[in-house]
Amino acid sequence: DLAPATRRRLAEHYAPFNADLEDLLDRDLP
């Protein structure tokens, strides 16, 4: 249901946070 442009902006915004979380958890996130 999420517009592709909105999904892309959210992914870009949260990318650094997700990278930190992946490092902390030592795993890839879905």
All heavy atoms as atom14 arrays in JSON, in Angstrom:
{
  "sequence": "DLAPATRRRLAEHYAPFNADLEDLLDRDLP",
  "atom14_mask": [
    [1, 1, 1, 1, 1, 1, 1, 1, 0, 0, 0, 0, 0, 0],
    [1, 1, 1, 1, 1, 1, 1, 1, 0, 0, 0, 0, 0, 0],
    [1, 1, 1, 1, 1, 0, 0, 0, 0, 0, 0, 0, 0, 0],
    [1, 1, 1, 1, 1, 1, 1, 0, 0, 0, 0, 0, 0, 0],
    [1, 1, 1, 1, 1, 0, 0, 0, 0, 0, 0, 0, 0, 0],
    [1, 1, 1, 1, 1, 1, 1, 0, 0, 0, 0, 0, 0, 0],
    [1, 1, 1, 1, 1, 1, 1, 1, 1, 1, 1, 0, 0, 0],
    [1, 1, 1, 1, 1, 1, 1, 1, 1, 1, 1, 0, 0, 0],
    [1, 1, 1, 1, 1, 1, 1, 1, 1, 1, 1, 0, 0, 0],
    [1, 1, 1, 1, 1, 1, 1, 1, 0, 0, 0, 0, 0, 0],
    [1, 1, 1, 1, 1, 0, 0, 0, 0, 0, 0, 0, 0, 0],
    [1, 1, 1, 1, 1, 1, 1, 1, 1, 0, 0, 0, 0, 0],
    [1, 1, 1, 1, 1, 1, 1, 1, 1, 1, 0, 0, 0, 0],
    [1, 1, 1, 1, 1, 1, 1, 1, 1, 1, 1, 1, 0, 0],
    [1, 1, 1, 1, 1, 0, 0, 0, 0, 0, 0, 0, 0, 0],
    [1, 1, 1, 1, 1, 1, 1, 0, 0, 0, 0, 0, 0, 0],
    [1, 1, 1, 1, 1, 1, 1, 1, 1, 1, 1, 0, 0, 0],
    [1, 1, 1, 1, 1, 1, 1, 1, 0, 0, 0, 0, 0, 0],
    [1, 1, 1, 1, 1, 0, 0, 0, 0, 0, 0, 0, 0, 0],
    [1, 1, 1, 1, 1, 1, 1, 1, 0, 0, 0, 0, 0, 0],
    [1, 1, 1, 1, 1, 1, 1, 1, 0, 0, 0, 0, 0, 0],
    [1, 1, 1, 1, 1, 1, 1, 1, 1, 0, 0, 0, 0, 0],
    [1, 1, 1, 1, 1, 1, 1, 1, 0, 0, 0, 0, 0, 0],
    [1, 1, 1, 1, 1, 1, 1, 1, 0, 0, 0, 0, 0, 0],
    [1, 1, 1, 1, 1, 1, 1, 1, 0, 0, 0, 0, 0, 0],
    [1, 1, 1, 1, 1, 1, 1, 1, 0, 0, 0, 0, 0, 0],
    [1, 1, 1, 1, 1, 1, 1, 1, 1, 1, 1, 0, 0, 0],
    [1, 1, 1, 1, 1, 1, 1, 1, 0, 0, 0, 0, 0, 0],
    [1, 1, 1, 1, 1, 1, 1, 1, 0, 0, 0, 0, 0, 0],
    [1, 1, 1, 1, 1, 1, 1, 0, 0, 0, 0, 0, 0, 0]
  ],
  "atom14_positions": [
    [[0.8, -1.21, 0.0], [0.0, 0.0, 0.0], [0.84, 1.27, 0.0], [0.33, 2.35, -0.27], [-0.93, 0.03, 1.22], [-1.95, -1.09, 1.19], [-2.26, -1.59, 0.09], [-2.42, -1.49, 2.27], [0.0, 0.0, 0.0], [0.0, 0.0, 0.0], [0.0, 0.0, 0.0], [0.0, 0.0, 0.0], [0.0, 0.0, 0.0], [0.0, 0.0, 0.0]],
    [[2.12, 1.17, 0.31], [2.99, 2.34, 0.4], [3.48, 2.72, -0.99], [3.95, 1.87, -1.75], [4.18, 1.99, 1.3], [4.93, 3.13, 1.93], [4.01, 4.02, 2.77], [6.02, 2.56, 2.83], [0.0, 0.0, 0.0], [0.0, 0.0, 0.0], [0.0, 0.0, 0.0], [0.0, 0.0, 0.0], [0.0, 0.0, 0.0], [0.0, 0.0, 0.0]],
    [[3.37, 4.0, -1.32], [3.83, 4.48, -2.62], [5.33, 4.23, -2.76], [6.08, 4.41, -1.8], [3.52, 5.96, -2.77], [0.0, 0.0, 0.0], [0.0, 0.0, 0.0], [0.0, 0.0, 0.0], [0.0, 0.0, 0.0], [0.0, 0.0, 0.0], [0.0, 0.0, 0.0], [0.0, 0.0, 0.0], [0.0, 0.0, 0.0], [0.0, 0.0, 0.0]],
    [[5.79, 3.82, -3.93], [7.22, 3.54, -4.13], [8.12, 4.71, -3.74], [9.17, 4.51, -3.14], [7.32, 3.22, -5.62], [5.97, 2.71, -5.98], [5.01, 3.49, -5.13], [0.0, 0.0, 0.0], [0.0, 0.0, 0.0], [0.0, 0.0, 0.0], [0.0, 0.0, 0.0], [0.0, 0.0, 0.0], [0.0, 0.0, 0.0], [0.0, 0.0, 0.0]],
    [[7.73, 5.93, -4.07], [8.55, 7.1, -3.72], [8.64, 7.26, -2.2], [9.71, 7.59, -1.67], [7.99, 8.36, -4.37], [0.0, 0.0, 0.0], [0.0, 0.0, 0.0], [0.0, 0.0, 0.0], [0.0, 0.0, 0.0], [0.0, 0.0, 0.0], [0.0, 0.0, 0.0], [0.0, 0.0, 0.0], [0.0, 0.0, 0.0], [0.0, 0.0, 0.0]],
    [[7.55, 7.03, -1.5], [7.54, 7.13, -0.05], [8.41, 6.03, 0.55], [9.21, 6.28, 1.46], [6.1, 7.04, 0.5], [5.32, 8.07, -0.08], [6.07, 7.14, 2.01], [0.0, 0.0, 0.0], [0.0, 0.0, 0.0], [0.0, 0.0, 0.0], [0.0, 0.0, 0.0], [0.0, 0.0, 0.0], [0.0, 0.0, 0.0], [0.0, 0.0, 0.0]],
    [[8.28, 4.82, 0.03], [9.1, 3.7, 0.52], [10.59, 4.01, 0.31], [11.41, 3.76, 1.18], [8.72, 2.42, -0.22], [9.43, 1.19, 0.31], [8.99, -0.07, -0.4], [7.57, -0.35, -0.28], [6.98, -0.89, 0.77], [7.69, -1.24, 1.81], [5.69, -1.1, 0.77], [0.0, 0.0, 0.0], [0.0, 0.0, 0.0], [0.0, 0.0, 0.0]],
    [[10.95, 4.59, -0.84], [12.34, 4.92, -1.13], [12.86, 5.99, -0.17], [13.95, 5.87, 0.38], [12.49, 5.38, -2.58], [13.92, 5.61, -3.02], [14.05, 6.05, -4.48], [13.33, 7.29, -4.75], [12.16, 7.37, -5.39], [11.56, 6.29, -5.84], [11.58, 8.54, -5.58], [0.0, 0.0, 0.0], [0.0, 0.0, 0.0], [0.0, 0.0, 0.0]],
    [[12.06, 7.05, 0.08], [12.48, 8.11, 1.01], [12.65, 7.57, 2.42], [13.61, 7.91, 3.12], [11.47, 9.26, 1.0], [11.59, 10.14, -0.22], [10.85, 11.46, -0.08], [9.45, 11.31, 0.31], [8.44, 11.12, -0.55], [8.67, 11.05, -1.84], [7.21, 11.0, -0.11], [0.0, 0.0, 0.0], [0.0, 0.0, 0.0], [0.0, 0.0, 0.0]],
    [[11.76, 6.69, 2.85], [11.88, 6.09, 4.18], [13.13, 5.22, 4.27], [13.86, 5.26, 5.26], [10.64, 5.27, 4.52], [9.39, 6.09, 4.85], [8.17, 5.17, 4.91], [9.56, 6.84, 6.15], [0.0, 0.0, 0.0], [0.0, 0.0, 0.0], [0.0, 0.0, 0.0], [0.0, 0.0, 0.0], [0.0, 0.0, 0.0], [0.0, 0.0, 0.0]],
    [[13.39, 4.43, 3.22], [14.57, 3.57, 3.21], [15.84, 4.42, 3.29], [16.77, 4.08, 4.04], [14.58, 2.71, 1.95], [0.0, 0.0, 0.0], [0.0, 0.0, 0.0], [0.0, 0.0, 0.0], [0.0, 0.0, 0.0], [0.0, 0.0, 0.0], [0.0, 0.0, 0.0], [0.0, 0.0, 0.0], [0.0, 0.0, 0.0], [0.0, 0.0, 0.0]],
    [[15.89, 5.51, 2.55], [17.07, 6.4, 2.59], [17.23, 7.03, 3.97], [18.33, 7.1, 4.5], [16.95, 7.48, 1.52], [17.08, 6.95, 0.1], [16.67, 7.96, -0.96], [16.28, 9.11, -0.62], [16.73, 7.6, -2.16], [0.0, 0.0, 0.0], [0.0, 0.0, 0.0], [0.0, 0.0, 0.0], [0.0, 0.0, 0.0], [0.0, 0.0, 0.0]],
    [[16.13, 7.48, 4.54], [16.18, 8.13, 5.85], [16.67, 7.17, 6.94], [17.49, 7.53, 7.78], [14.8, 8.68, 6.23], [14.74, 9.23, 7.61], [15.25, 10.47, 7.93], [14.28, 8.69, 8.77], [15.1, 10.68, 9.23], [14.5, 9.62, 9.76], [0.0, 0.0, 0.0], [0.0, 0.0, 0.0], [0.0, 0.0, 0.0], [0.0, 0.0, 0.0]],
    [[16.16, 5.95, 6.92], [16.48, 4.99, 7.99], [17.72, 4.15, 7.72], [18.15, 3.39, 8.59], [15.27, 4.08, 8.26], [14.19, 4.81, 9.01], [13.03, 5.22, 8.37], [14.35, 5.1, 10.36], [12.05, 5.91, 9.07], [13.38, 5.79, 11.06], [12.23, 6.19, 10.41], [11.27, 6.87, 11.09], [0.0, 0.0, 0.0], [0.0, 0.0, 0.0]],
    [[18.33, 4.28, 6.54], [19.5, 3.46, 6.2], [20.61, 3.52, 7.24], [21.13, 2.49, 7.66], [20.01, 3.83, 4.81], [0.0, 0.0, 0.0], [0.0, 0.0, 0.0], [0.0, 0.0, 0.0], [0.0, 0.0, 0.0], [0.0, 0.0, 0.0], [0.0, 0.0, 0.0], [0.0, 0.0, 0.0], [0.0, 0.0, 0.0], [0.0, 0.0, 0.0]],
    [[21.01, 4.72, 7.73], [22.09, 4.74, 8.72], [21.7, 4.07, 10.04], [22.51, 3.4, 10.67], [22.41, 6.21, 8.93], [21.46, 7.01, 8.11], [20.62, 6.06, 7.31], [0.0, 0.0, 0.0], [0.0, 0.0, 0.0], [0.0, 0.0, 0.0], [0.0, 0.0, 0.0], [0.0, 0.0, 0.0], [0.0, 0.0, 0.0], [0.0, 0.0, 0.0]],
    [[20.45, 4.22, 10.42], [19.98, 3.6, 11.67], [19.94, 2.08, 11.52], [20.31, 1.33, 12.43], [18.6, 4.13, 12.05], [18.56, 5.62, 12.19], [17.95, 6.4, 11.23], [19.15, 6.24, 13.29], [17.92, 7.79, 11.34], [19.12, 7.62, 13.42], [18.51, 8.4, 12.44], [0.0, 0.0, 0.0], [0.0, 0.0, 0.0], [0.0, 0.0, 0.0]],
    [[19.47, 1.62, 10.35], [19.43, 0.18, 10.1], [20.83, -0.41, 10.07], [21.05, -1.51, 10.57], [18.69, -0.11, 8.79], [17.2, 0.12, 8.91], [16.63, 0.01, 9.98], [16.57, 0.46, 7.8], [0.0, 0.0, 0.0], [0.0, 0.0, 0.0], [0.0, 0.0, 0.0], [0.0, 0.0, 0.0], [0.0, 0.0, 0.0], [0.0, 0.0, 0.0]],
    [[21.78, 0.32, 9.49], [23.17, -0.17, 9.45], [23.72, -0.31, 10.87], [24.37, -1.31, 11.2], [24.03, 0.78, 8.62], [0.0, 0.0, 0.0], [0.0, 0.0, 0.0], [0.0, 0.0, 0.0], [0.0, 0.0, 0.0], [0.0, 0.0, 0.0], [0.0, 0.0, 0.0], [0.0, 0.0, 0.0], [0.0, 0.0, 0.0], [0.0, 0.0, 0.0]],
    [[23.44, 0.68, 11.72], [23.89, 0.6, 13.12], [23.24, -0.59, 13.83], [23.9, -1.3, 14.59], [23.55, 1.88, 13.87], [24.42, 3.07, 13.47], [25.46, 2.85, 12.81], [24.04, 4.21, 13.81], [0.0, 0.0, 0.0], [0.0, 0.0, 0.0], [0.0, 0.0, 0.0], [0.0, 0.0, 0.0], [0.0, 0.0, 0.0], [0.0, 0.0, 0.0]],
    [[21.96, -0.79, 13.59], [21.25, -1.89, 14.23], [21.79, -3.24, 13.74], [21.97, -4.17, 14.53], [19.75, -1.78, 13.96], [18.83, -2.75, 14.67], [19.03, -2.7, 16.19], [17.38, -2.46, 14.33], [0.0, 0.0, 0.0], [0.0, 0.0, 0.0], [0.0, 0.0, 0.0], [0.0, 0.0, 0.0], [0.0, 0.0, 0.0], [0.0, 0.0, 0.0]],
    [[22.07, -3.35, 12.44], [22.64, -4.58, 11.92], [24.0, -4.87, 12.55], [24.3, -6.02, 12.88], [22.76, -4.51, 10.4], [21.43, -4.62, 9.7], [21.52, -4.56, 8.19], [22.47, -3.95, 7.66], [20.63, -5.12, 7.54], [0.0, 0.0, 0.0], [0.0, 0.0, 0.0], [0.0, 0.0, 0.0], [0.0, 0.0, 0.0], [0.0, 0.0, 0.0]],
    [[24.8, -3.83, 12.71], [26.11, -4.01, 13.36], [25.92, -4.46, 14.81], [26.61, -5.36, 15.28], [26.92, -2.71, 13.33], [27.46, -2.39, 11.95], [27.5, -3.29, 11.09], [27.84, -1.22, 11.74], [0.0, 0.0, 0.0], [0.0, 0.0, 0.0], [0.0, 0.0, 0.0], [0.0, 0.0, 0.0], [0.0, 0.0, 0.0], [0.0, 0.0, 0.0]],
    [[25.01, -3.84, 15.51], [24.76, -4.16, 16.91], [24.27, -5.6, 17.07], [24.72, -6.33, 17.96], [23.72, -3.19, 17.49], [23.35, -3.38, 18.94], [24.54, -3.04, 19.84], [22.16, -2.52, 19.3], [0.0, 0.0, 0.0], [0.0, 0.0, 0.0], [0.0, 0.0, 0.0], [0.0, 0.0, 0.0], [0.0, 0.0, 0.0], [0.0, 0.0, 0.0]],
    [[23.36, -6.02, 16.18], [22.79, -7.36, 16.26], [23.63, -8.41, 15.54], [23.37, -9.6, 15.69], [21.37, -7.36, 15.67], [20.36, -6.45, 16.35], [19.04, -6.48, 15.6], [20.18, -6.82, 17.81], [0.0, 0.0, 0.0], [0.0, 0.0, 0.0], [0.0, 0.0, 0.0], [0.0, 0.0, 0.0], [0.0, 0.0, 0.0], [0.0, 0.0, 0.0]],
    [[24.59, -7.97, 14.76], [25.44, -8.86, 13.98], [24.62, -9.76, 13.06], [24.79, -10.98, 13.01], [26.34, -9.7, 14.89], [27.45, -10.41, 14.13], [27.86, -9.89, 13.07], [27.88, -11.48, 14.56], [0.0, 0.0, 0.0], [0.0, 0.0, 0.0], [0.0, 0.0, 0.0], [0.0, 0.0, 0.0], [0.0, 0.0, 0.0], [0.0, 0.0, 0.0]],
    [[23.69, -9.13, 12.35], [22.86, -9.85, 11.39], [22.23, -8.89, 10.41], [22.11, -7.69, 10.69], [21.77, -10.66, 12.09], [20.72, -9.81, 12.79], [19.53, -10.58, 13.26], [18.76, -11.0, 12.11], [17.6, -11.63, 12.21], [17.11, -11.95, 13.36], [16.94, -11.98, 11.14], [0.0, 0.0, 0.0], [0.0, 0.0, 0.0], [0.0, 0.0, 0.0]],
    [[21.84, -9.41, 9.25], [21.11, -8.6, 8.27], [19.66, -8.52, 8.7], [19.13, -9.47, 9.28], [21.17, -9.25, 6.89], [22.56, -9.21, 6.29], [23.34, -8.29, 6.64], [22.9, -10.1, 5.49], [0.0, 0.0, 0.0], [0.0, 0.0, 0.0], [0.0, 0.0, 0.0], [0.0, 0.0, 0.0], [0.0, 0.0, 0.0], [0.0, 0.0, 0.0]],
    [[19.06, -7.4, 8.42], [17.64, -7.22, 8.75], [16.79, -7.34, 7.49], [17.19, -6.85, 6.43], [17.43, -5.85, 9.4], [18.18, -5.66, 10.71], [18.11, -4.21, 11.18], [17.63, -6.59, 11.78], [0.0, 0.0, 0.0], [0.0, 0.0, 0.0], [0.0, 0.0, 0.0], [0.0, 0.0, 0.0], [0.0, 0.0, 0.0], [0.0, 0.0, 0.0]],
    [[15.64, -7.99, 7.59], [14.84, -8.24, 6.39], [14.42, -6.98, 5.66], [14.34, -6.97, 4.44], [13.63, -9.0, 6.9], [13.77, -9.18, 8.34], [15.05, -8.55, 8.78], [0.0, 0.0, 0.0], [0.0, 0.0, 0.0], [0.0, 0.0, 0.0], [0.0, 0.0, 0.0], [0.0, 0.0, 0.0], [0.0, 0.0, 0.0], [0.0, 0.0, 0.0]]
  ]
}
